PDB file of N, CA and C in Angstrom:
ATOM      1  N   MET A   1       4.227 -17.105 -15.756  1.00  0.00           N
ATOM      2  CA  MET A   1       4.000 -15.787 -15.223  1.00  0.00           C
ATOM      3  C   MET A   1       2.671 -15.781 -14.461  1.00  0.00           C
ATOM      4  N   ARG A   2       2.706 -15.229 -13.267  1.00  0.00           N
ATOM      5  CA  ARG A   2       1.493 -15.150 -12.465  1.00  0.00           C
ATOM      6  C   ARG A   2       0.687 -13.922 -12.865  1.00  0.00           C
ATOM      7  N   ARG A   3      -0.581 -14.103 -13.019  1.00  0.00           N
ATOM      8  CA  ARG A   3      -1.451 -12.992 -13.374  1.00  0.00           C
ATOM      9  C   ARG A   3      -1.979 -12.315 -12.116  1.00  0.00           C
ATOM     10  N   ILE A   4      -2.256 -11.045 -12.235  1.00  0.00           N
ATOM     11  CA  ILE A   4      -2.819 -10.277 -11.132  1.00  0.00           C
ATOM     12  C   ILE A   4      -4.298 -10.068 -11.408  1.00  0.00           C
ATOM     13  N   ALA A   5      -5.105 -10.383 -10.418  1.00  0.00           N
ATOM     14  CA  ALA A   5      -6.545 -10.171 -10.531  1.00  0.00           C
ATOM     15  C   ALA A   5      -6.975  -9.197  -9.443  1.00  0.00           C
ATOM     16  N   VAL A   6      -7.739  -8.206  -9.818  1.00  0.00           N
ATOM     17  CA  VAL A   6      -8.293  -7.265  -8.852  1.00  0.00           C
ATOM     18  C   VAL A   6      -9.599  -7.864  -8.358  1.00  0.00           C
ATOM     19  N   LEU A   7      -9.651  -8.192  -7.061  1.00  0.00           N
ATOM     20  CA  LEU A   7     -10.820  -8.853  -6.491  1.00  0.00           C
ATOM     21  C   LEU A   7     -11.825  -7.873  -5.924  1.00  0.00           C
ATOM     22  N   ASP A   8     -11.373  -6.695  -5.507  1.00  0.00           N
ATOM     23  CA  ASP A   8     -12.251  -5.675  -4.966  1.00  0.00           C
ATOM     24  C   ASP A   8     -11.517  -4.350  -5.022  1.00  0.00           C
ATOM     25  N   GLN A   9     -12.256  -3.273  -4.883  1.00  0.00           N
ATOM     26  CA  GLN A   9     -11.634  -1.965  -4.857  1.00  0.00           C
ATOM     27  C   GLN A   9     -12.475  -1.013  -4.016  1.00  0.00           C
ATOM     28  N   ALA A  10     -11.817  -0.032  -3.462  1.00  0.00           N
ATOM     29  CA  ALA A  10     -12.489   1.019  -2.708  1.00  0.00           C
ATOM     30  C   ALA A  10     -11.840   2.328  -3.126  1.00  0.00           C
ATOM     31  N   HIS A  11     -12.585   3.384  -3.075  1.00  0.00           N
ATOM     32  CA  HIS A  11     -12.012   4.676  -3.434  1.00  0.00           C
ATOM     33  C   HIS A  11     -12.376   5.700  -2.378  1.00  0.00           C
ATOM     34  N   LEU A  12     -11.659   6.802  -2.418  1.00  0.00           N
ATOM     35  CA  LEU A  12     -11.856   7.863  -1.446  1.00  0.00           C
ATOM     36  C   LEU A  12     -12.715   8.994  -2.000  1.00  0.00           C
ATOM     37  N   GLY A  13     -13.067   8.923  -3.281  1.00  0.00           N
ATOM     38  CA  GLY A  13     -13.877   9.973  -3.888  1.00  0.00           C
ATOM     39  C   GLY A  13     -13.128  11.281  -4.044  1.00  0.00           C
ATOM     40  N   ILE A  14     -11.821  11.197  -4.182  1.00  0.00           N
ATOM     41  CA  ILE A  14     -10.974  12.381  -4.302  1.00  0.00           C
ATOM     42  C   ILE A  14     -10.344  12.372  -5.686  1.00  0.00           C
ATOM     43  N   ASP A  15     -10.369  13.539  -6.353  1.00  0.00           N
ATOM     44  CA  ASP A  15      -9.865  13.559  -7.726  1.00  0.00           C
ATOM     45  C   ASP A  15      -8.715  14.543  -7.950  1.00  0.00           C
ATOM     46  N   SER A  16      -8.096  15.030  -6.883  1.00  0.00           N
ATOM     47  CA  SER A  16      -6.953  15.933  -7.078  1.00  0.00           C
ATOM     48  C   SER A  16      -5.794  15.519  -6.193  1.00  0.00           C
ATOM     49  N   ASP A  17      -4.581  15.733  -6.698  1.00  0.00           N
ATOM     50  CA  ASP A  17      -3.393  15.393  -5.922  1.00  0.00           C
ATOM     51  C   ASP A  17      -3.303  16.212  -4.643  1.00  0.00           C
ATOM     52  N   ALA A  18      -3.707  17.459  -4.694  1.00  0.00           N
ATOM     53  CA  ALA A  18      -3.657  18.299  -3.497  1.00  0.00           C
ATOM     54  C   ALA A  18      -4.543  17.719  -2.397  1.00  0.00           C
ATOM     55  N   ALA A  19      -5.711  17.251  -2.756  1.00  0.00           N
ATOM     56  CA  ALA A  19      -6.632  16.693  -1.754  1.00  0.00           C
ATOM     57  C   ALA A  19      -6.182  15.306  -1.285  1.00  0.00           C
ATOM     58  N   ILE A  20      -5.627  14.513  -2.169  1.00  0.00           N
ATOM     59  CA  ILE A  20      -5.222  13.150  -1.787  1.00  0.00           C
ATOM     60  C   ILE A  20      -4.086  13.209  -0.760  1.00  0.00           C
ATOM     61  N   SER A  21      -3.281  14.238  -0.798  1.00  0.00           N
ATOM     62  CA  SER A  21      -2.184  14.347   0.170  1.00  0.00           C
ATOM     63  C   SER A  21      -2.684  14.703   1.567  1.00  0.00           C
ATOM     64  N   ARG A  22      -3.949  15.067   1.688  1.00  0.00           N
ATOM     65  CA  ARG A  22      -4.517  15.402   3.002  1.00  0.00           C
ATOM     66  C   ARG A  22      -5.419  14.302   3.559  1.00  0.00           C
ATOM     67  N   VAL A  23      -5.412  13.139   2.935  1.00  0.00           N
ATOM     68  CA  VAL A  23      -6.213  12.019   3.431  1.00  0.00           C
ATOM     69  C   VAL A  23      -5.713  11.624   4.817  1.00  0.00           C
ATOM     70  N   THR A  24      -6.636  11.451   5.731  1.00  0.00           N
ATOM     71  CA  THR A  24      -6.261  11.092   7.103  1.00  0.00           C
ATOM     72  C   THR A  24      -6.100   9.589   7.241  1.00  0.00           C
ATOM     73  N   THR A  25      -5.457   9.198   8.331  1.00  0.00           N
ATOM     74  CA  THR A  25      -5.308   7.774   8.652  1.00  0.00           C
ATOM     75  C   THR A  25      -6.676   7.118   8.747  1.00  0.00           C
ATOM     76  N   ALA A  26      -7.615   7.797   9.373  1.00  0.00           N
ATOM     77  CA  ALA A  26      -8.964   7.246   9.536  1.00  0.00           C
ATOM     78  C   ALA A  26      -9.648   7.037   8.191  1.00  0.00           C
ATOM     79  N   GLN A  27      -9.522   7.987   7.277  1.00  0.00           N
ATOM     80  CA  GLN A  27     -10.136   7.835   5.950  1.00  0.00           C
ATOM     81  C   GLN A  27      -9.550   6.642   5.206  1.00  0.00           C
ATOM     82  N   LEU A  28      -8.237   6.503   5.260  1.00  0.00           N
ATOM     83  CA  LEU A  28      -7.596   5.395   4.554  1.00  0.00           C
ATOM     84  C   LEU A  28      -7.937   4.063   5.217  1.00  0.00           C
ATOM     85  N   ARG A  29      -7.949   4.032   6.543  1.00  0.00           N
ATOM     86  CA  ARG A  29      -8.315   2.804   7.264  1.00  0.00           C
ATOM     87  C   ARG A  29      -9.742   2.388   6.902  1.00  0.00           C
ATOM     88  N   ASP A  30     -10.663   3.354   6.814  1.00  0.00           N
ATOM     89  CA  ASP A  30     -12.042   3.043   6.446  1.00  0.00           C
ATOM     90  C   ASP A  30     -12.115   2.433   5.046  1.00  0.00           C
ATOM     91  N   ALA A  31     -11.335   2.973   4.118  1.00  0.00           N
ATOM     92  CA  ALA A  31     -11.325   2.437   2.755  1.00  0.00           C
ATOM     93  C   ALA A  31     -10.792   1.009   2.744  1.00  0.00           C
ATOM     94  N   VAL A  32      -9.723   0.752   3.486  1.00  0.00           N
ATOM     95  CA  VAL A  32      -9.160  -0.599   3.550  1.00  0.00           C
ATOM     96  C   VAL A  32     -10.163  -1.557   4.180  1.00  0.00           C
ATOM     97  N   ARG A  33     -10.849  -1.111   5.204  1.00  0.00           N
ATOM     98  CA  ARG A  33     -11.826  -1.973   5.881  1.00  0.00           C
ATOM     99  C   ARG A  33     -13.043  -2.279   5.014  1.00  0.00           C
ATOM    100  N   ARG A  34     -13.317  -1.446   4.028  1.00  0.00           N
ATOM    101  CA  ARG A  34     -14.440  -1.716   3.110  1.00  0.00           C
ATOM    102  C   ARG A  34     -14.123  -2.818   2.104  1.00  0.00           C
ATOM    103  N   LEU A  35     -12.868  -3.159   1.964  1.00  0.00           N
ATOM    104  CA  LEU A  35     -12.471  -4.166   0.983  1.00  0.00           C
ATOM    105  C   LEU A  35     -12.909  -5.564   1.415  1.00  0.00           C
ATOM    106  N   SER A  36     -13.353  -6.335   0.447  1.00  0.00           N
ATOM    107  CA  SER A  36     -13.598  -7.752   0.681  1.00  0.00           C
ATOM    108  C   SER A  36     -12.284  -8.458   0.371  1.00  0.00           C
ATOM    109  N   LEU A  37     -11.660  -9.025   1.382  1.00  0.00           N
ATOM    110  CA  LEU A  37     -10.328  -9.607   1.220  1.00  0.00           C
ATOM    111  C   LEU A  37     -10.337 -11.109   0.964  1.00  0.00           C
ATOM    112  N   ALA A  38     -11.506 -11.703   0.843  1.00  0.00           N
ATOM    113  CA  ALA A  38     -11.592 -13.145   0.589  1.00  0.00           C
ATOM    114  C   ALA A  38     -10.834 -13.488  -0.698  1.00  0.00           C
ATOM    115  N   GLY A  39      -9.847 -14.341  -0.574  1.00  0.00           N
ATOM    116  CA  GLY A  39      -9.070 -14.777  -1.725  1.00  0.00           C
ATOM    117  C   GLY A  39      -7.957 -13.825  -2.135  1.00  0.00           C
ATOM    118  N   ALA A  40      -7.817 -12.694  -1.444  1.00  0.00           N
ATOM    119  CA  ALA A  40      -6.794 -11.710  -1.815  1.00  0.00           C
ATOM    120  C   ALA A  40      -5.435 -12.102  -1.241  1.00  0.00           C
ATOM    121  N   ASP A  41      -4.400 -11.957  -2.054  1.00  0.00           N
ATOM    122  CA  ASP A  41      -3.031 -12.217  -1.607  1.00  0.00           C
ATOM    123  C   ASP A  41      -2.393 -10.977  -0.998  1.00  0.00           C
ATOM    124  N   ALA A  42      -2.864  -9.794  -1.410  1.00  0.00           N
ATOM    125  CA  ALA A  42      -2.254  -8.546  -0.962  1.00  0.00           C
ATOM    126  C   ALA A  42      -3.231  -7.395  -1.186  1.00  0.00           C
ATOM    127  N   ILE A  43      -2.859  -6.240  -0.654  1.00  0.00           N
ATOM    128  CA  ILE A  43      -3.624  -5.006  -0.841  1.00  0.00           C
ATOM    129  C   ILE A  43      -2.702  -3.991  -1.490  1.00  0.00           C
ATOM    130  N   PHE A  44      -3.177  -3.322  -2.527  1.00  0.00           N
ATOM    131  CA  PHE A  44      -2.404  -2.282  -3.197  1.00  0.00           C
ATOM    132  C   PHE A  44      -3.096  -0.946  -3.009  1.00  0.00           C
ATOM    133  N   LEU A  45      -2.352   0.042  -2.523  1.00  0.00           N
ATOM    134  CA  LEU A  45      -2.854   1.398  -2.331  1.00  0.00           C
ATOM    135  C   LEU A  45      -2.223   2.272  -3.403  1.00  0.00           C
ATOM    136  N   SER A  46      -3.041   2.770  -4.301  1.00  0.00           N
ATOM    137  CA  SER A  46      -2.542   3.520  -5.444  1.00  0.00           C
ATOM    138  C   SER A  46      -2.729   5.020  -5.265  1.00  0.00           C
ATOM    139  N   ARG A  47      -1.804   5.779  -5.674  1.00  0.00           N
ATOM    140  CA  ARG A  47      -1.734   7.235  -5.741  1.00  0.00           C
ATOM    141  C   ARG A  47      -0.413   7.643  -5.116  1.00  0.00           C
ATOM    142  N   THR A  48       0.400   8.321  -5.874  1.00  0.00           N
ATOM    143  CA  THR A  48       1.714   8.697  -5.368  1.00  0.00           C
ATOM    144  C   THR A  48       1.660   9.806  -4.327  1.00  0.00           C
ATOM    145  N   SER A  49       0.606  10.577  -4.283  1.00  0.00           N
ATOM    146  CA  SER A  49       0.501  11.636  -3.272  1.00  0.00           C
ATOM    147  C   SER A  49      -0.153  11.152  -1.984  1.00  0.00           C
ATOM    148  N   LEU A  50      -0.574   9.900  -1.957  1.00  0.00           N
ATOM    149  CA  LEU A  50      -1.213   9.332  -0.779  1.00  0.00           C
ATOM    150  C   LEU A  50      -0.154   9.048   0.284  1.00  0.00           C
ATOM    151  N   ARG A  51      -0.308   9.606   1.449  1.00  0.00           N
ATOM    152  CA  ARG A  51       0.675   9.443   2.521  1.00  0.00           C
ATOM    153  C   ARG A  51       0.353   8.174   3.304  1.00  0.00           C
ATOM    154  N   ALA A  52       0.723   7.046   2.738  1.00  0.00           N
ATOM    155  CA  ALA A  52       0.335   5.746   3.291  1.00  0.00           C
ATOM    156  C   ALA A  52       1.476   4.998   3.969  1.00  0.00           C
ATOM    157  N   ALA A  53       2.698   5.386   3.737  1.00  0.00           N
ATOM    158  CA  ALA A  53       3.840   4.605   4.216  1.00  0.00           C
ATOM    159  C   ALA A  53       3.808   4.375   5.722  1.00  0.00           C
ATOM    160  N   ALA A  54       3.437   5.378   6.479  1.00  0.00           N
ATOM    161  CA  ALA A  54       3.431   5.243   7.940  1.00  0.00           C
ATOM    162  C   ALA A  54       2.331   4.310   8.433  1.00  0.00           C
ATOM    163  N   MET A  55       1.366   4.005   7.583  1.00  0.00           N
ATOM    164  CA  MET A  55       0.223   3.181   7.980  1.00  0.00           C
ATOM    165  C   MET A  55       0.344   1.730   7.544  1.00  0.00           C
ATOM    166  N   ILE A  56       1.308   1.428   6.710  1.00  0.00           N
ATOM    167  CA  ILE A  56       1.391   0.101   6.110  1.00  0.00           C
ATOM    168  C   ILE A  56       1.537  -1.007   7.145  1.00  0.00           C
ATOM    169  N   ASP A  57       2.426  -0.840   8.112  1.00  0.00           N
ATOM    170  CA  ASP A  57       2.614  -1.891   9.119  1.00  0.00           C
ATOM    171  C   ASP A  57       1.314  -2.172   9.873  1.00  0.00           C
ATOM    172  N   ALA A  58       0.579  -1.128  10.237  1.00  0.00           N
ATOM    173  CA  ALA A  58      -0.690  -1.310  10.957  1.00  0.00           C
ATOM    174  C   ALA A  58      -1.723  -2.002  10.077  1.00  0.00           C
ATOM    175  N   PHE A  59      -1.784  -1.639   8.802  1.00  0.00           N
ATOM    176  CA  PHE A  59      -2.739  -2.281   7.892  1.00  0.00           C
ATOM    177  C   PHE A  59      -2.394  -3.750   7.698  1.00  0.00           C
ATOM    178  N   GLU A  60      -1.103  -4.067   7.592  1.00  0.00           N
ATOM    179  CA  GLU A  60      -0.705  -5.467   7.450  1.00  0.00           C
ATOM    180  C   GLU A  60      -1.076  -6.267   8.692  1.00  0.00           C
ATOM    181  N   ALA A  61      -0.867  -5.673   9.862  1.00  0.00           N
ATOM    182  CA  ALA A  61      -1.212  -6.368  11.108  1.00  0.00           C
ATOM    183  C   ALA A  61      -2.717  -6.592  11.192  1.00  0.00           C
ATOM    184  N   GLU A  62      -3.493  -5.604  10.790  1.00  0.00           N
ATOM    185  CA  GLU A  62      -4.951  -5.714  10.877  1.00  0.00           C
ATOM    186  C   GLU A  62      -5.530  -6.697   9.868  1.00  0.00           C
ATOM    187  N   THR A  63      -4.991  -6.701   8.652  1.00  0.00           N
ATOM    188  CA  THR A  63      -5.583  -7.527   7.591  1.00  0.00           C
ATOM    189  C   THR A  63      -4.916  -8.889   7.436  1.00  0.00           C
ATOM    190  N   GLY A  64      -3.682  -9.028   7.932  1.00  0.00           N
ATOM    191  CA  GLY A  64      -2.957 -10.276   7.755  1.00  0.00           C
ATOM    192  C   GLY A  64      -2.434 -10.465   6.340  1.00  0.00           C
ATOM    193  N   ARG A  65      -2.416  -9.400   5.569  1.00  0.00           N
ATOM    194  CA  ARG A  65      -1.947  -9.469   4.186  1.00  0.00           C
ATOM    195  C   ARG A  65      -0.882  -8.406   3.934  1.00  0.00           C
ATOM    196  N   PRO A  66       0.010  -8.664   2.987  1.00  0.00           N
ATOM    197  CA  PRO A  66       0.962  -7.629   2.605  1.00  0.00           C
ATOM    198  C   PRO A  66       0.212  -6.427   2.029  1.00  0.00           C
ATOM    199  N   VAL A  67       0.696  -5.241   2.339  1.00  0.00           N
ATOM    200  CA  VAL A  67       0.126  -4.007   1.808  1.00  0.00           C
ATOM    201  C   VAL A  67       1.239  -3.285   1.073  1.00  0.00           C
ATOM    202  N   VAL A  68       0.961  -2.885  -0.157  1.00  0.00           N
ATOM    203  CA  VAL A  68       1.942  -2.184  -0.978  1.00  0.00           C
ATOM    204  C   VAL A  68       1.300  -0.901  -1.486  1.00  0.00           C
ATOM    205  N   CYS A  69       2.034   0.212  -1.338  1.00  0.00           N
ATOM    206  CA  CYS A  69       1.562   1.469  -1.914  1.00  0.00           C
ATOM    207  C   CYS A  69       2.505   1.870  -3.046  1.00  0.00           C
ATOM    208  N   SER A  70       2.074   2.793  -3.868  1.00  0.00           N
ATOM    209  CA  SER A  70       2.837   3.207  -5.044  1.00  0.00           C
ATOM    210  C   SER A  70       4.246   3.669  -4.689  1.00  0.00           C
ATOM    211  N   ASP A  71       4.349   4.560  -3.712  1.00  0.00           N
ATOM    212  CA  ASP A  71       5.665   5.107  -3.354  1.00  0.00           C
ATOM    213  C   ASP A  71       6.582   4.043  -2.773  1.00  0.00           C
ATOM    214  N   GLN A  72       6.028   3.144  -1.991  1.00  0.00           N
ATOM    215  CA  GLN A  72       6.797   2.051  -1.397  1.00  0.00           C
ATOM    216  C   GLN A  72       7.338   1.139  -2.504  1.00  0.00           C
ATOM    217  N   ALA A  73       6.499   0.838  -3.484  1.00  0.00           N
ATOM    218  CA  ALA A  73       6.929  -0.013  -4.602  1.00  0.00           C
ATOM    219  C   ALA A  73       8.039   0.668  -5.399  1.00  0.00           C
ATOM    220  N   LEU A  74       7.934   1.979  -5.588  1.00  0.00           N
ATOM    221  CA  LEU A  74       8.975   2.721  -6.289  1.00  0.00           C
ATOM    222  C   LEU A  74      10.292   2.678  -5.500  1.00  0.00           C
ATOM    223  N   ALA A  75      10.218   2.859  -4.181  1.00  0.00           N
ATOM    224  CA  ALA A  75      11.422   2.795  -3.351  1.00  0.00           C
ATOM    225  C   ALA A  75      12.068   1.416  -3.445  1.00  0.00           C
ATOM    226  N   TRP A  76      11.248   0.357  -3.377  1.00  0.00           N
ATOM    227  CA  TRP A  76      11.757  -1.002  -3.492  1.00  0.00           C
ATOM    228  C   TRP A  76      12.464  -1.195  -4.831  1.00  0.00           C
ATOM    229  N   HIS A  77      11.835  -0.732  -5.906  1.00  0.00           N
ATOM    230  CA  HIS A  77      12.413  -0.898  -7.242  1.00  0.00           C
ATOM    231  C   HIS A  77      13.737  -0.132  -7.364  1.00  0.00           C
ATOM    232  N   CYS A  78      13.788   1.078  -6.838  1.00  0.00           N
ATOM    233  CA  CYS A  78      15.029   1.863  -6.879  1.00  0.00           C
ATOM    234  C   CYS A  78      16.143   1.153  -6.123  1.00  0.00           C
ATOM    235  N   LEU A  79      15.820   0.587  -4.971  1.00  0.00           N
ATOM    236  CA  LEU A  79      16.818  -0.170  -4.209  1.00  0.00           C
ATOM    237  C   LEU A  79      17.301  -1.376  -5.003  1.00  0.00           C
ATOM    238  N   GLN A  80      16.389  -2.061  -5.678  1.00  0.00           N
ATOM    239  CA  GLN A  80      16.778  -3.210  -6.502  1.00  0.00           C
ATOM    240  C   GLN A  80      17.710  -2.777  -7.629  1.00  0.00           C
ATOM    241  N   LEU A  81      17.365  -1.684  -8.302  1.00  0.00           N
ATOM    242  CA  LEU A  81      18.197  -1.190  -9.401  1.00  0.00           C
ATOM    243  C   LEU A  81      19.589  -0.772  -8.917  1.00  0.00           C
ATOM    244  N   ALA A  82      19.660  -0.282  -7.686  1.00  0.00           N
ATOM    245  CA  ALA A  82      20.939   0.152  -7.123  1.00  0.00           C
ATOM    246  C   ALA A  82      21.724  -1.007  -6.517  1.00  0.00           C
ATOM    247  N   GLY A  83      21.142  -2.205  -6.542  1.00  0.00           N
ATOM    248  CA  GLY A  83      21.812  -3.366  -5.975  1.00  0.00           C
ATOM    249  C   GLY A  83      21.839  -3.350  -4.460  1.00  0.00           C
ATOM    250  N   ARG A  84      20.910  -2.631  -3.853  1.00  0.00           N
ATOM    251  CA  ARG A  84      20.852  -2.495  -2.395  1.00  0.00           C
ATOM    252  C   ARG A  84      19.768  -3.388  -1.819  1.00  0.00           C
ATOM    253  N   SER A  85      19.921  -3.728  -0.564  1.00  0.00           N
ATOM    254  CA  SER A  85      18.923  -4.524   0.141  1.00  0.00           C
ATOM    255  C   SER A  85      17.675  -3.691   0.375  1.00  0.00           C
ATOM    256  N   ALA A  86      16.533  -4.341   0.261  1.00  0.00           N
ATOM    257  CA  ALA A  86      15.266  -3.663   0.545  1.00  0.00           C
ATOM    258  C   ALA A  86      14.865  -3.856   1.998  1.00  0.00           C
ATOM    259  N   ASP A  87      15.757  -4.388   2.810  1.00  0.00           N
ATOM    260  CA  ASP A  87      15.446  -4.619   4.218  1.00  0.00           C
ATOM    261  C   ASP A  87      15.727  -3.349   5.013  1.00  0.00           C
ATOM    262  N   LEU A  88      14.710  -2.492   5.096  1.00  0.00           N
ATOM    263  CA  LEU A  88      14.851  -1.231   5.808  1.00  0.00           C
ATOM    264  C   LEU A  88      14.364  -1.324   7.250  1.00  0.00           C
ATOM    265  N   GLY A  89      13.700  -2.431   7.581  1.00  0.00           N
ATOM    266  CA  GLY A  89      13.214  -2.612   8.938  1.00  0.00           C
ATOM    267  C   GLY A  89      11.902  -1.916   9.226  1.00  0.00           C
ATOM    268  N   PHE A  90      11.322  -1.294   8.234  1.00  0.00           N
ATOM    269  CA  PHE A  90      10.019  -0.637   8.364  1.00  0.00           C
ATOM    270  C   PHE A  90       9.400  -0.547   6.977  1.00  0.00           C
ATOM    271  N   GLY A  91       8.143  -0.163   6.910  1.00  0.00           N
ATOM    272  CA  GLY A  91       7.523   0.031   5.608  1.00  0.00           C
ATOM    273  C   GLY A  91       6.865  -1.203   5.058  1.00  0.00           C
ATOM    274  N   GLY A  92       6.402  -2.085   5.932  1.00  0.00           N
ATOM    275  CA  GLY A  92       5.689  -3.257   5.479  1.00  0.00           C
ATOM    276  C   GLY A  92       6.616  -4.394   5.058  1.00  0.00           C
ATOM    277  N   ARG A  93       5.995  -5.496   4.716  1.00  0.00           N
ATOM    278  CA  ARG A  93       6.751  -6.700   4.347  1.00  0.00           C
ATOM    279  C   ARG A  93       7.698  -6.463   3.177  1.00  0.00           C
ATOM    280  N   LEU A  94       7.257  -5.625   2.230  1.00  0.00           N
ATOM    281  CA  LEU A  94       8.070  -5.386   1.032  1.00  0.00           C
ATOM    282  C   LEU A  94       9.423  -4.792   1.392  1.00  0.00           C
ATOM    283  N   LEU A  95       9.456  -3.910   2.388  1.00  0.00           N
ATOM    284  CA  LEU A  95      10.701  -3.236   2.746  1.00  0.00           C
ATOM    285  C   LEU A  95      11.337  -3.784   4.015  1.00  0.00           C
ATOM    286  N   ARG A  96      10.914  -4.982   4.410  1.00  0.00           N
ATOM    287  CA  ARG A  96      11.540  -5.642   5.549  1.00  0.00           C
ATOM    288  C   ARG A  96      12.164  -6.963   5.113  1.00  0.00           C
ATOM    289  N   GLY A  97      12.648  -7.025   3.942  1.00  0.00           N
ATOM    290  CA  GLY A  97      13.302  -8.255   3.602  1.00  0.00           C
ATOM    291  C   GLY A  97      13.223  -8.614   2.202  1.00  0.00           C
TER     292      GLY A  97
END
């Protein structure tokens, strides 16, 4: 079993779901850019109210790493449980194959 190690983290300083749903693309991009990605295999964006799905492809292109957010991971898992392909053609590497 492969272990997961958190190599770095960044936060937005937001503590409510109502506020996290209003995070802008620029705010999220700034948080991703603050990460030290040396040795990282992927980037995980946590918070189910975070509207990150539309930004995942751009973040992957910019960082060269897979980017996974909570809602995207849930969608992938639901597709797996339903016996469906996760190849949606959008939504980052996780949902393109």
